[in-house]
């Protein structure tokens, strides 16, 4: 992977990658054992940040995404994650979760490979 490819990572995707790593470390949570799950969720957060101005949870169905963004309940980290460490997306998992890895990092290179 060349430096040019890494530098071409959309800024919102890189911002959500960095946010995810920082939040996992701060909360003592871990990414899913299947890194492609992490990549898809980070990509979804970045797309919502671009489209709606906030990283709305990408794993839920919404009748009106803009209204949901304004309500802020499902903006990542969502209220269930902040209050109870419950992540519907499987992005931030507690160590006791059977799907948790030991990873709190996801590389830009992996994101580029996974989401093309």
PDB file of N, CA and C in Angstrom:
ATOM      1  N   UNK A   1       0.851  -1.170   0.000  1.00  0.00           N
ATOM      2  CA  UNK A   1       0.000   0.000   0.000  1.00  0.00           C
ATOM      3  C   UNK A   1       0.896   1.231   0.000  1.00  0.00           C
ATOM      4  N   UNK A   2       0.630   2.113  -0.924  1.00  0.00           N
ATOM      5  CA  UNK A   2       1.480   3.289  -1.047  1.00  0.00           C
ATOM      6  C   UNK A   2       1.007   4.410  -0.118  1.00  0.00           C
ATOM      7  N   UNK A   3       1.914   5.354   0.141  1.00  0.00           N
ATOM      8  CA  UNK A   3       1.556   6.513   0.948  1.00  0.00           C
ATOM      9  C   UNK A   3       0.464   7.325   0.264  1.00  0.00           C
ATOM     10  N   UNK A   4       0.468   7.345  -1.073  1.00  0.00           N
ATOM     11  CA  UNK A   4      -0.552   8.082  -1.812  1.00  0.00           C
ATOM     12  C   UNK A   4      -1.930   7.502  -1.538  1.00  0.00           C
ATOM     13  N   UNK A   5      -2.058   6.175  -1.538  1.00  0.00           N
ATOM     14  CA  UNK A   5      -3.350   5.553  -1.268  1.00  0.00           C
ATOM     15  C   UNK A   5      -3.821   5.881   0.143  1.00  0.00           C
ATOM     16  N   UNK A   6      -2.934   5.815   1.111  1.00  0.00           N
ATOM     17  CA  UNK A   6      -3.299   6.118   2.492  1.00  0.00           C
ATOM     18  C   UNK A   6      -3.701   7.582   2.615  1.00  0.00           C
ATOM     19  N   UNK A   7      -2.967   8.466   1.961  1.00  0.00           N
ATOM     20  CA  UNK A   7      -3.288   9.889   2.024  1.00  0.00           C
ATOM     21  C   UNK A   7      -4.599  10.208   1.320  1.00  0.00           C
ATOM     22  N   UNK A   8      -5.064   9.312   0.430  1.00  0.00           N
ATOM     23  CA  UNK A   8      -6.329   9.520  -0.263  1.00  0.00           C
ATOM     24  C   UNK A   8      -7.524   9.000   0.524  1.00  0.00           C
ATOM     25  N   UNK A   9      -7.296   8.493   1.710  1.00  0.00           N
ATOM     26  CA  UNK A   9      -8.387   8.057   2.568  1.00  0.00           C
ATOM     27  C   UNK A   9      -9.252   9.279   2.861  1.00  0.00           C
ATOM     28  N   UNK A  10     -10.555   9.189   2.585  1.00  0.00           N
ATOM     29  CA  UNK A  10     -11.404  10.365   2.852  1.00  0.00           C
ATOM     30  C   UNK A  10     -11.230  10.854   4.287  1.00  0.00           C
ATOM     31  N   UNK A  11     -11.229  12.165   4.450  1.00  0.00           N
ATOM     32  CA  UNK A  11     -10.966  12.728   5.774  1.00  0.00           C
ATOM     33  C   UNK A  11     -11.998  12.285   6.800  1.00  0.00           C
ATOM     34  N   UNK A  12     -13.253  12.125   6.401  1.00  0.00           N
ATOM     35  CA  UNK A  12     -14.266  11.685   7.358  1.00  0.00           C
ATOM     36  C   UNK A  12     -14.007  10.246   7.797  1.00  0.00           C
ATOM     37  N   UNK A  13     -13.537   9.415   6.891  1.00  0.00           N
ATOM     38  CA  UNK A  13     -13.226   8.028   7.236  1.00  0.00           C
ATOM     39  C   UNK A  13     -12.036   7.972   8.196  1.00  0.00           C
ATOM     40  N   UNK A  14     -11.036   8.764   7.921  1.00  0.00           N
ATOM     41  CA  UNK A  14      -9.874   8.815   8.810  1.00  0.00           C
ATOM     42  C   UNK A  14     -10.276   9.382  10.174  1.00  0.00           C
ATOM     43  N   UNK A  15     -11.137  10.388  10.184  1.00  0.00           N
ATOM     44  CA  UNK A  15     -11.610  10.969  11.450  1.00  0.00           C
ATOM     45  C   UNK A  15     -12.372   9.925  12.264  1.00  0.00           C
ATOM     46  N   UNK A  16     -13.211   9.144  11.618  1.00  0.00           N
ATOM     47  CA  UNK A  16     -13.990   8.117  12.330  1.00  0.00           C
ATOM     48  C   UNK A  16     -13.096   6.961  12.778  1.00  0.00           C
ATOM     49  N   UNK A  17     -12.050   6.658  12.004  1.00  0.00           N
ATOM     50  CA  UNK A  17     -11.080   5.638  12.417  1.00  0.00           C
ATOM     51  C   UNK A  17     -10.388   6.083  13.702  1.00  0.00           C
ATOM     52  N   UNK A  18      -9.909   7.324  13.703  1.00  0.00           N
ATOM     53  CA  UNK A  18      -9.215   7.849  14.880  1.00  0.00           C
ATOM     54  C   UNK A  18     -10.156   7.956  16.079  1.00  0.00           C
ATOM     55  N   UNK A  19     -11.390   8.428  15.839  1.00  0.00           N
ATOM     56  CA  UNK A  19     -12.380   8.507  16.913  1.00  0.00           C
ATOM     57  C   UNK A  19     -12.614   7.130  17.519  1.00  0.00           C
ATOM     58  N   UNK A  20     -12.790   6.118  16.674  1.00  0.00           N
ATOM     59  CA  UNK A  20     -13.087   4.762  17.154  1.00  0.00           C
ATOM     60  C   UNK A  20     -11.958   4.217  18.015  1.00  0.00           C
ATOM     61  N   UNK A  21     -10.729   4.415  17.556  1.00  0.00           N
ATOM     62  CA  UNK A  21      -9.581   3.956  18.342  1.00  0.00           C
ATOM     63  C   UNK A  21      -9.511   4.678  19.690  1.00  0.00           C
ATOM     64  N   UNK A  22      -9.661   5.977  19.659  1.00  0.00           N
ATOM     65  CA  UNK A  22      -9.589   6.771  20.891  1.00  0.00           C
ATOM     66  C   UNK A  22     -10.698   6.382  21.854  1.00  0.00           C
ATOM     67  N   UNK A  23     -11.911   6.231  21.342  1.00  0.00           N
ATOM     68  CA  UNK A  23     -13.045   5.903  22.208  1.00  0.00           C
ATOM     69  C   UNK A  23     -12.884   4.502  22.805  1.00  0.00           C
ATOM     70  N   UNK A  24     -12.414   3.556  22.007  1.00  0.00           N
ATOM     71  CA  UNK A  24     -12.196   2.197  22.521  1.00  0.00           C
ATOM     72  C   UNK A  24     -11.179   2.216  23.662  1.00  0.00           C
ATOM     73  N   UNK A  25     -10.092   2.920  23.468  1.00  0.00           N
ATOM     74  CA  UNK A  25      -9.067   2.999  24.517  1.00  0.00           C
ATOM     75  C   UNK A  25      -9.610   3.683  25.766  1.00  0.00           C
ATOM     76  N   UNK A  26     -10.340   4.772  25.572  1.00  0.00           N
ATOM     77  CA  UNK A  26     -10.863   5.540  26.710  1.00  0.00           C
ATOM     78  C   UNK A  26     -11.883   4.753  27.519  1.00  0.00           C
ATOM     79  N   UNK A  27     -12.665   3.903  26.848  1.00  0.00           N
ATOM     80  CA  UNK A  27     -13.736   3.171  27.532  1.00  0.00           C
ATOM     81  C   UNK A  27     -13.362   1.736  27.881  1.00  0.00           C
ATOM     82  N   UNK A  28     -12.161   1.302  27.498  1.00  0.00           N
ATOM     83  CA  UNK A  28     -11.758  -0.070  27.775  1.00  0.00           C
ATOM     84  C   UNK A  28     -12.555  -1.092  26.984  1.00  0.00           C
ATOM     85  N   UNK A  29     -13.000  -0.681  25.795  1.00  0.00           N
ATOM     86  CA  UNK A  29     -13.729  -1.598  24.926  1.00  0.00           C
ATOM     87  C   UNK A  29     -12.830  -2.021  23.774  1.00  0.00           C
ATOM     88  N   UNK A  30     -13.306  -3.008  23.012  1.00  0.00           N
ATOM     89  CA  UNK A  30     -12.491  -3.600  21.953  1.00  0.00           C
ATOM     90  C   UNK A  30     -13.322  -3.762  20.690  1.00  0.00           C
ATOM     91  N   UNK A  31     -12.632  -3.822  19.563  1.00  0.00           N
ATOM     92  CA  UNK A  31     -13.305  -4.024  18.288  1.00  0.00           C
ATOM     93  C   UNK A  31     -13.684  -5.492  18.125  1.00  0.00           C
ATOM     94  N   UNK A  32     -14.557  -5.737  17.183  1.00  0.00           N
ATOM     95  CA  UNK A  32     -15.036  -7.087  16.896  1.00  0.00           C
ATOM     96  C   UNK A  32     -13.887  -7.976  16.433  1.00  0.00           C
ATOM     97  N   UNK A  33     -13.994  -9.249  16.759  1.00  0.00           N
ATOM     98  CA  UNK A  33     -12.974 -10.223  16.353  1.00  0.00           C
ATOM     99  C   UNK A  33     -12.873 -10.321  14.827  1.00  0.00           C
ATOM    100  N   UNK A  34     -13.957  -9.970  14.135  1.00  0.00           N
ATOM    101  CA  UNK A  34     -13.957  -9.921  12.671  1.00  0.00           C
ATOM    102  C   UNK A  34     -13.706  -8.467  12.268  1.00  0.00           C
ATOM    103  N   UNK A  35     -12.496  -8.134  11.841  1.00  0.00           N
ATOM    104  CA  UNK A  35     -12.178  -6.728  11.560  1.00  0.00           C
ATOM    105  C   UNK A  35     -13.003  -6.127  10.421  1.00  0.00           C
ATOM    106  N   UNK A  36     -13.589  -6.963   9.570  1.00  0.00           N
ATOM    107  CA  UNK A  36     -14.426  -6.413   8.507  1.00  0.00           C
ATOM    108  C   UNK A  36     -15.687  -5.772   9.089  1.00  0.00           C
ATOM    109  N   UNK A  37     -16.162  -6.261  10.233  1.00  0.00           N
ATOM    110  CA  UNK A  37     -17.307  -5.643  10.912  1.00  0.00           C
ATOM    111  C   UNK A  37     -16.917  -4.237  11.339  1.00  0.00           C
ATOM    112  N   UNK A  38     -15.755  -4.108  11.937  1.00  0.00           N
ATOM    113  CA  UNK A  38     -15.268  -2.796  12.374  1.00  0.00           C
ATOM    114  C   UNK A  38     -15.152  -1.852  11.182  1.00  0.00           C
ATOM    115  N   UNK A  39     -14.602  -2.348  10.085  1.00  0.00           N
ATOM    116  CA  UNK A  39     -14.417  -1.517   8.890  1.00  0.00           C
ATOM    117  C   UNK A  39     -15.751  -1.019   8.344  1.00  0.00           C
ATOM    118  N   UNK A  40     -16.738  -1.880   8.279  1.00  0.00           N
ATOM    119  CA  UNK A  40     -18.047  -1.494   7.742  1.00  0.00           C
ATOM    120  C   UNK A  40     -18.714  -0.455   8.640  1.00  0.00           C
ATOM    121  N   UNK A  41     -18.610  -0.633   9.937  1.00  0.00           N
ATOM    122  CA  UNK A  41     -19.233   0.319  10.866  1.00  0.00           C
ATOM    123  C   UNK A  41     -18.526   1.673  10.787  1.00  0.00           C
ATOM    124  N   UNK A  42     -17.212   1.677  10.769  1.00  0.00           N
ATOM    125  CA  UNK A  42     -16.463   2.936  10.666  1.00  0.00           C
ATOM    126  C   UNK A  42     -16.824   3.643   9.356  1.00  0.00           C
ATOM    127  N   UNK A  43     -16.931   2.892   8.279  1.00  0.00           N
ATOM    128  CA  UNK A  43     -17.326   3.474   6.994  1.00  0.00           C
ATOM    129  C   UNK A  43     -18.737   4.079   7.088  1.00  0.00           C
ATOM    130  N   UNK A  44     -19.660   3.361   7.712  1.00  0.00           N
ATOM    131  CA  UNK A  44     -21.022   3.868   7.868  1.00  0.00           C
ATOM    132  C   UNK A  44     -21.077   5.147   8.688  1.00  0.00           C
ATOM    133  N   UNK A  45     -20.289   5.195   9.750  1.00  0.00           N
ATOM    134  CA  UNK A  45     -20.224   6.418  10.558  1.00  0.00           C
ATOM    135  C   UNK A  45     -19.710   7.592   9.725  1.00  0.00           C
ATOM    136  N   UNK A  46     -18.680   7.332   8.923  1.00  0.00           N
ATOM    137  CA  UNK A  46     -18.097   8.380   8.080  1.00  0.00           C
ATOM    138  C   UNK A  46     -19.105   8.867   7.041  1.00  0.00           C
ATOM    139  N   UNK A  47     -19.838   7.954   6.438  1.00  0.00           N
ATOM    140  CA  UNK A  47     -20.840   8.352   5.438  1.00  0.00           C
ATOM    141  C   UNK A  47     -21.934   9.204   6.076  1.00  0.00           C
ATOM    142  N   UNK A  48     -22.388   8.812   7.256  1.00  0.00           N
ATOM    143  CA  UNK A  48     -23.407   9.607   7.933  1.00  0.00           C
ATOM    144  C   UNK A  48     -22.858  10.972   8.347  1.00  0.00           C
ATOM    145  N   UNK A  49     -21.605  11.005   8.766  1.00  0.00           N
ATOM    146  CA  UNK A  49     -20.996  12.292   9.129  1.00  0.00           C
ATOM    147  C   UNK A  49     -20.960  13.207   7.903  1.00  0.00           C
ATOM    148  N   UNK A  50     -20.617  12.646   6.750  1.00  0.00           N
ATOM    149  CA  UNK A  50     -20.604  13.438   5.507  1.00  0.00           C
ATOM    150  C   UNK A  50     -22.007  13.893   5.108  1.00  0.00           C
ATOM    151  N   UNK A  51     -22.980  12.988   5.175  1.00  0.00           N
ATOM    152  CA  UNK A  51     -24.334  13.294   4.706  1.00  0.00           C
ATOM    153  C   UNK A  51     -25.136  14.146   5.673  1.00  0.00           C
ATOM    154  N   UNK A  52     -24.973  13.901   6.980  1.00  0.00           N
ATOM    155  CA  UNK A  52     -25.849  14.537   7.965  1.00  0.00           C
ATOM    156  C   UNK A  52     -25.128  15.409   8.983  1.00  0.00           C
ATOM    157  N   UNK A  53     -23.807  15.412   8.931  1.00  0.00           N
ATOM    158  CA  UNK A  53     -23.048  16.247   9.847  1.00  0.00           C
ATOM    159  C   UNK A  53     -22.784  15.619  11.201  1.00  0.00           C
ATOM    160  N   UNK A  54     -23.223  14.368  11.383  1.00  0.00           N
ATOM    161  CA  UNK A  54     -23.006  13.665  12.652  1.00  0.00           C
ATOM    162  C   UNK A  54     -22.880  12.174  12.367  1.00  0.00           C
ATOM    163  N   UNK A  55     -22.091  11.470  13.182  1.00  0.00           N
ATOM    164  CA  UNK A  55     -21.903  10.030  12.969  1.00  0.00           C
ATOM    165  C   UNK A  55     -23.075   9.220  13.539  1.00  0.00           C
ATOM    166  N   UNK A  56     -24.185   9.270  12.843  1.00  0.00           N
ATOM    167  CA  UNK A  56     -25.375   8.523  13.233  1.00  0.00           C
ATOM    168  C   UNK A  56     -25.094   7.031  13.119  1.00  0.00           C
ATOM    169  N   UNK A  57     -25.550   6.259  14.104  1.00  0.00           N
ATOM    170  CA  UNK A  57     -25.354   4.814  14.108  1.00  0.00           C
ATOM    171  C   UNK A  57     -25.771   4.234  12.759  1.00  0.00           C
ATOM    172  N   UNK A  58     -24.875   3.529  12.059  1.00  0.00           N
ATOM    173  CA  UNK A  58     -25.194   3.022  10.730  1.00  0.00           C
ATOM    174  C   UNK A  58     -25.914   1.673  10.739  1.00  0.00           C
ATOM    175  N   UNK A  59     -26.135   1.114  11.885  1.00  0.00           N
ATOM    176  CA  UNK A  59     -26.668  -0.246  11.972  1.00  0.00           C
ATOM    177  C   UNK A  59     -28.158  -0.291  12.303  1.00  0.00           C
ATOM    178  N   UNK A  60     -28.801   0.838  12.254  1.00  0.00           N
ATOM    179  CA  UNK A  60     -30.220   0.908  12.593  1.00  0.00           C
ATOM    180  C   UNK A  60     -30.994   1.475  11.411  1.00  0.00           C
ATOM    181  N   UNK A  61     -32.289   1.207  11.393  1.00  0.00           N
ATOM    182  CA  UNK A  61     -33.166   1.778  10.376  1.00  0.00           C
ATOM    183  C   UNK A  61     -33.842   3.020  10.959  1.00  0.00           C
ATOM    184  N   UNK A  62     -33.899   4.081  10.171  1.00  0.00           N
ATOM    185  CA  UNK A  62     -34.513   5.328  10.611  1.00  0.00           C
ATOM    186  C   UNK A  62     -35.521   5.784   9.564  1.00  0.00           C
ATOM    187  N   UNK A  63     -36.661   6.246  10.006  1.00  0.00           N
ATOM    188  CA  UNK A  63     -37.642   6.841   9.098  1.00  0.00           C
ATOM    189  C   UNK A  63     -37.124   8.180   8.584  1.00  0.00           C
ATOM    190  N   UNK A  64     -36.486   8.944   9.476  1.00  0.00           N
ATOM    191  CA  UNK A  64     -36.003  10.274   9.130  1.00  0.00           C
ATOM    192  C   UNK A  64     -34.623  10.454   9.780  1.00  0.00           C
ATOM    193  N   UNK A  65     -33.580  10.229   9.001  1.00  0.00           N
ATOM    194  CA  UNK A  65     -32.222  10.293   9.548  1.00  0.00           C
ATOM    195  C   UNK A  65     -31.871  11.678  10.069  1.00  0.00           C
ATOM    196  N   UNK A  66     -32.301  12.719   9.372  1.00  0.00           N
ATOM    197  CA  UNK A  66     -31.983  14.070   9.822  1.00  0.00           C
ATOM    198  C   UNK A  66     -32.601  14.345  11.189  1.00  0.00           C
ATOM    199  N   UNK A  67     -33.833  13.888  11.394  1.00  0.00           N
ATOM    200  CA  UNK A  67     -34.481  14.069  12.708  1.00  0.00           C
ATOM    201  C   UNK A  67     -33.736  13.283  13.780  1.00  0.00           C
ATOM    202  N   UNK A  68     -33.269  12.105  13.441  1.00  0.00           N
ATOM    203  CA  UNK A  68     -32.513  11.289  14.401  1.00  0.00           C
ATOM    204  C   UNK A  68     -31.201  11.967  14.774  1.00  0.00           C
ATOM    205  N   UNK A  69     -30.548  12.565  13.797  1.00  0.00           N
ATOM    206  CA  UNK A  69     -29.305  13.289  14.073  1.00  0.00           C
ATOM    207  C   UNK A  69     -29.584  14.427  15.048  1.00  0.00           C
ATOM    208  N   UNK A  70     -30.657  15.155  14.822  1.00  0.00           N
ATOM    209  CA  UNK A  70     -31.009  16.281  15.695  1.00  0.00           C
ATOM    210  C   UNK A  70     -31.316  15.808  17.116  1.00  0.00           C
ATOM    211  N   UNK A  71     -31.962  14.645  17.242  1.00  0.00           N
ATOM    212  CA  UNK A  71     -32.290  14.100  18.566  1.00  0.00           C
ATOM    213  C   UNK A  71     -31.026  13.652  19.300  1.00  0.00           C
ATOM    214  N   UNK A  72     -29.986  13.276  18.554  1.00  0.00           N
ATOM    215  CA  UNK A  72     -28.663  12.908  19.066  1.00  0.00           C
ATOM    216  C   UNK A  72     -28.603  11.586  19.842  1.00  0.00           C
ATOM    217  N   UNK A  73     -29.714  10.911  20.053  1.00  0.00           N
ATOM    218  CA  UNK A  73     -29.707   9.671  20.827  1.00  0.00           C
ATOM    219  C   UNK A  73     -28.819   8.613  20.177  1.00  0.00           C
ATOM    220  N   UNK A  74     -28.918   8.465  18.842  1.00  0.00           N
ATOM    221  CA  UNK A  74     -28.165   7.425  18.138  1.00  0.00           C
ATOM    222  C   UNK A  74     -26.876   7.933  17.512  1.00  0.00           C
ATOM    223  N   UNK A  75     -26.477   9.175  17.785  1.00  0.00           N
ATOM    224  CA  UNK A  75     -25.188   9.651  17.294  1.00  0.00           C
ATOM    225  C   UNK A  75     -24.092   8.945  18.086  1.00  0.00           C
ATOM    226  N   UNK A  76     -23.093   8.450  17.393  1.00  0.00           N
ATOM    227  CA  UNK A  76     -22.043   7.655  18.012  1.00  0.00           C
ATOM    228  C   UNK A  76     -21.096   8.542  18.824  1.00  0.00           C
ATOM    229  N   UNK A  77     -20.776   8.158  20.038  1.00  0.00           N
ATOM    230  CA  UNK A  77     -21.299   7.016  20.760  1.00  0.00           C
ATOM    231  C   UNK A  77     -22.734   7.290  21.219  1.00  0.00           C
ATOM    232  N   UNK A  78     -23.588   6.337  20.934  1.00  0.00           N
ATOM    233  CA  UNK A  78     -25.008   6.501  21.241  1.00  0.00           C
ATOM    234  C   UNK A  78     -25.249   6.420  22.751  1.00  0.00           C
ATOM    235  N   UNK A  79     -26.446   6.771  23.165  1.00  0.00           N
ATOM    236  CA  UNK A  79     -26.785   6.768  24.584  1.00  0.00           C
ATOM    237  C   UNK A  79     -26.607   5.374  25.206  1.00  0.00           C
ATOM    238  N   UNK A  80     -27.095   4.292  24.570  1.00  0.00           N
ATOM    239  CA  UNK A  80     -26.867   2.974  25.182  1.00  0.00           C
ATOM    240  C   UNK A  80     -25.375   2.654  25.394  1.00  0.00           C
ATOM    241  N   UNK A  81     -24.536   3.098  24.464  1.00  0.00           N
ATOM    242  CA  UNK A  81     -23.090   2.861  24.615  1.00  0.00           C
ATOM    243  C   UNK A  81     -22.546   3.706  25.758  1.00  0.00           C
ATOM    244  N   UNK A  82     -22.903   4.956  25.789  1.00  0.00           N
ATOM    245  CA  UNK A  82     -22.378   5.845  26.833  1.00  0.00           C
ATOM    246  C   UNK A  82     -22.850   5.441  28.219  1.00  0.00           C
ATOM    247  N   UNK A  83     -24.091   5.010  28.313  1.00  0.00           N
ATOM    248  CA  UNK A  83     -24.654   4.703  29.632  1.00  0.00           C
ATOM    249  C   UNK A  83     -24.387   3.276  30.102  1.00  0.00           C
ATOM    250  N   UNK A  84     -24.418   2.305  29.178  1.00  0.00           N
ATOM    251  CA  UNK A  84     -24.344   0.899  29.590  1.00  0.00           C
ATOM    252  C   UNK A  84     -23.298   0.068  28.848  1.00  0.00           C
ATOM    253  N   UNK A  85     -22.511   0.723  27.990  1.00  0.00           N
ATOM    254  CA  UNK A  85     -21.532   0.023  27.147  1.00  0.00           C
ATOM    255  C   UNK A  85     -22.201  -1.071  26.314  1.00  0.00           C
ATOM    256  N   UNK A  86     -23.351  -0.735  25.732  1.00  0.00           N
ATOM    257  CA  UNK A  86     -24.075  -1.626  24.826  1.00  0.00           C
ATOM    258  C   UNK A  86     -23.988  -1.052  23.424  1.00  0.00           C
ATOM    259  N   UNK A  87     -23.251  -1.731  22.560  1.00  0.00           N
ATOM    260  CA  UNK A  87     -23.047  -1.255  21.195  1.00  0.00           C
ATOM    261  C   UNK A  87     -23.733  -2.211  20.221  1.00  0.00           C
ATOM    262  N   UNK A  88     -24.835  -1.758  19.673  1.00  0.00           N
ATOM    263  CA  UNK A  88     -25.616  -2.539  18.712  1.00  0.00           C
ATOM    264  C   UNK A  88     -24.780  -2.886  17.479  1.00  0.00           C
ATOM    265  N   UNK A  89     -23.878  -2.021  17.100  1.00  0.00           N
ATOM    266  CA  UNK A  89     -23.066  -2.192  15.888  1.00  0.00           C
ATOM    267  C   UNK A  89     -21.911  -3.179  16.057  1.00  0.00           C
ATOM    268  N   UNK A  90     -21.618  -3.533  17.286  1.00  0.00           N
ATOM    269  CA  UNK A  90     -20.470  -4.384  17.594  1.00  0.00           C
ATOM    270  C   UNK A  90     -19.139  -3.696  17.302  1.00  0.00           C
ATOM    271  N   UNK A  91     -19.150  -2.371  17.358  1.00  0.00           N
ATOM    272  CA  UNK A  91     -17.902  -1.628  17.189  1.00  0.00           C
ATOM    273  C   UNK A  91     -17.136  -1.576  18.497  1.00  0.00           C
ATOM    274  N   UNK A  92     -17.835  -1.283  19.584  1.00  0.00           N
ATOM    275  CA  UNK A  92     -17.214  -1.168  20.900  1.00  0.00           C
ATOM    276  C   UNK A  92     -17.760  -2.281  21.790  1.00  0.00           C
ATOM    277  N   UNK A  93     -16.942  -3.288  22.026  1.00  0.00           N
ATOM    278  CA  UNK A  93     -17.380  -4.448  22.801  1.00  0.00           C
ATOM    279  C   UNK A  93     -16.594  -4.555  24.102  1.00  0.00           C
ATOM    280  N   UNK A  94     -17.285  -4.965  25.148  1.00  0.00           N
ATOM    281  CA  UNK A  94     -16.599  -5.189  26.416  1.00  0.00           C
ATOM    282  C   UNK A  94     -15.765  -6.461  26.296  1.00  0.00           C
ATOM    283  N   UNK A  95     -14.771  -6.571  27.120  1.00  0.00           N
ATOM    284  CA  UNK A  95     -13.855  -7.706  27.079  1.00  0.00           C
ATOM    285  C   UNK A  95     -14.589  -9.032  27.270  1.00  0.00           C
ATOM    286  N   UNK A  96     -15.693  -9.018  28.004  1.00  0.00           N
ATOM    287  CA  UNK A  96     -16.430 -10.250  28.268  1.00  0.00           C
ATOM    288  C   UNK A  96     -17.296 -10.701  27.088  1.00  0.00           C
ATOM    289  N   UNK A  97     -17.454  -9.856  26.078  1.00  0.00           N
ATOM    290  CA  UNK A  97     -18.266 -10.218  24.920  1.00  0.00           C
ATOM    291  C   UNK A  97     -17.543 -11.276  24.093  1.00  0.00           C
ATOM    292  N   UNK A  98     -18.249 -12.330  23.730  1.00  0.00           N
ATOM    293  CA  UNK A  98     -17.610 -13.427  22.988  1.00  0.00           C
ATOM    294  C   UNK A  98     -17.097 -13.005  21.616  1.00  0.00           C
ATOM    295  N   UNK A  99     -17.569 -11.875  21.096  1.00  0.00           N
ATOM    296  CA  UNK A  99     -17.125 -11.404  19.785  1.00  0.00           C
ATOM    297  C   UNK A  99     -16.028 -10.347  19.870  1.00  0.00           C
ATOM    298  N   UNK A 100     -15.587 -10.024  21.081  1.00  0.00           N
ATOM    299  CA  UNK A 100     -14.549  -9.005  21.265  1.00  0.00           C
ATOM    300  C   UNK A 100     -13.171  -9.570  20.936  1.00  0.00           C
ATOM    301  N   UNK A 101     -12.394  -8.755  20.258  1.00  0.00           N
ATOM    302  CA  UNK A 101     -10.990  -9.100  20.014  1.00  0.00           C
ATOM    303  C   UNK A 101     -10.163  -8.448  21.109  1.00  0.00           C
ATOM    304  N   UNK A 102      -8.855  -8.410  20.939  1.00  0.00           N
ATOM    305  CA  UNK A 102      -8.003  -7.652  21.866  1.00  0.00           C
ATOM    306  C   UNK A 102      -7.564  -6.351  21.205  1.00  0.00           C
ATOM    307  N   UNK A 103      -8.188  -6.027  20.068  1.00  0.00           N
ATOM    308  CA  UNK A 103      -7.767  -4.866  19.288  1.00  0.00           C
ATOM    309  C   UNK A 103      -8.534  -3.603  19.630  1.00  0.00           C
ATOM    310  N   UNK A 104      -7.773  -2.532  19.713  1.00  0.00           N
ATOM    311  CA  UNK A 104      -8.342  -1.198  19.870  1.00  0.00           C
ATOM    312  C   UNK A 104      -7.803  -0.302  18.760  1.00  0.00           C
ATOM    313  N   UNK A 105      -7.291  -0.933  17.729  1.00  0.00           N
ATOM    314  CA  UNK A 105      -6.745  -0.210  16.571  1.00  0.00           C
ATOM    315  C   UNK A 105      -7.253  -0.877  15.296  1.00  0.00           C
ATOM    316  N   UNK A 106      -7.449  -0.043  14.280  1.00  0.00           N
ATOM    317  CA  UNK A 106      -7.738  -0.532  12.936  1.00  0.00           C
ATOM    318  C   UNK A 106      -6.943   0.365  11.999  1.00  0.00           C
ATOM    319  N   UNK A 107      -6.206  -0.228  11.126  1.00  0.00           N
ATOM    320  CA  UNK A 107      -5.303   0.555  10.292  1.00  0.00           C
ATOM    321  C   UNK A 107      -6.013   1.176   9.096  1.00  0.00           C
ATOM    322  N   UNK A 108      -5.487   2.292   8.659  1.00  0.00           N
ATOM    323  CA  UNK A 108      -5.980   2.941   7.444  1.00  0.00           C
ATOM    324  C   UNK A 108      -5.843   2.007   6.264  1.00  0.00           C
ATOM    325  N   UNK A 109      -4.750   1.275   6.229  1.00  0.00           N
ATOM    326  CA  UNK A 109      -4.505   0.341   5.136  1.00  0.00           C
ATOM    327  C   UNK A 109      -5.600  -0.718   5.065  1.00  0.00           C
ATOM    328  N   UNK A 110      -5.997  -1.245   6.215  1.00  0.00           N
ATOM    329  CA  UNK A 110      -7.045  -2.261   6.246  1.00  0.00           C
ATOM    330  C   UNK A 110      -8.367  -1.672   5.769  1.00  0.00           C
ATOM    331  N   UNK A 111      -8.686  -0.458   6.199  1.00  0.00           N
ATOM    332  CA  UNK A 111      -9.932   0.188   5.761  1.00  0.00           C
ATOM    333  C   UNK A 111      -9.948   0.344   4.248  1.00  0.00           C
ATOM    334  N   UNK A 112      -8.844   0.774   3.687  1.00  0.00           N
ATOM    335  CA  UNK A 112      -8.768   0.953   2.232  1.00  0.00           C
ATOM    336  C   UNK A 112      -8.971  -0.393   1.530  1.00  0.00           C
ATOM    337  N   UNK A 113      -8.351  -1.429   2.056  1.00  0.00           N
ATOM    338  CA  UNK A 113      -8.481  -2.756   1.463  1.00  0.00           C
ATOM    339  C   UNK A 113      -9.906  -3.266   1.573  1.00  0.00           C
ATOM    340  N   UNK A 114     -10.534  -3.074   2.715  1.00  0.00           N
ATOM    341  CA  UNK A 114     -11.873  -3.604   2.960  1.00  0.00           C
ATOM    342  C   UNK A 114     -12.969  -2.886   2.200  1.00  0.00           C
ATOM    343  N   UNK A 115     -12.886  -1.570   2.144  1.00  0.00           N
ATOM    344  CA  UNK A 115     -13.992  -0.824   1.553  1.00  0.00           C
ATOM    345  C   UNK A 115     -13.680  -0.294   0.173  1.00  0.00           C
ATOM    346  N   UNK A 116     -12.450  -0.543  -0.254  1.00  0.00           N
ATOM    347  CA  UNK A 116     -12.065  -0.237  -1.618  1.00  0.00           C
ATOM    348  C   UNK A 116     -12.029   1.192  -1.931  1.00  0.00           C
TER     349      UNK A 116
END
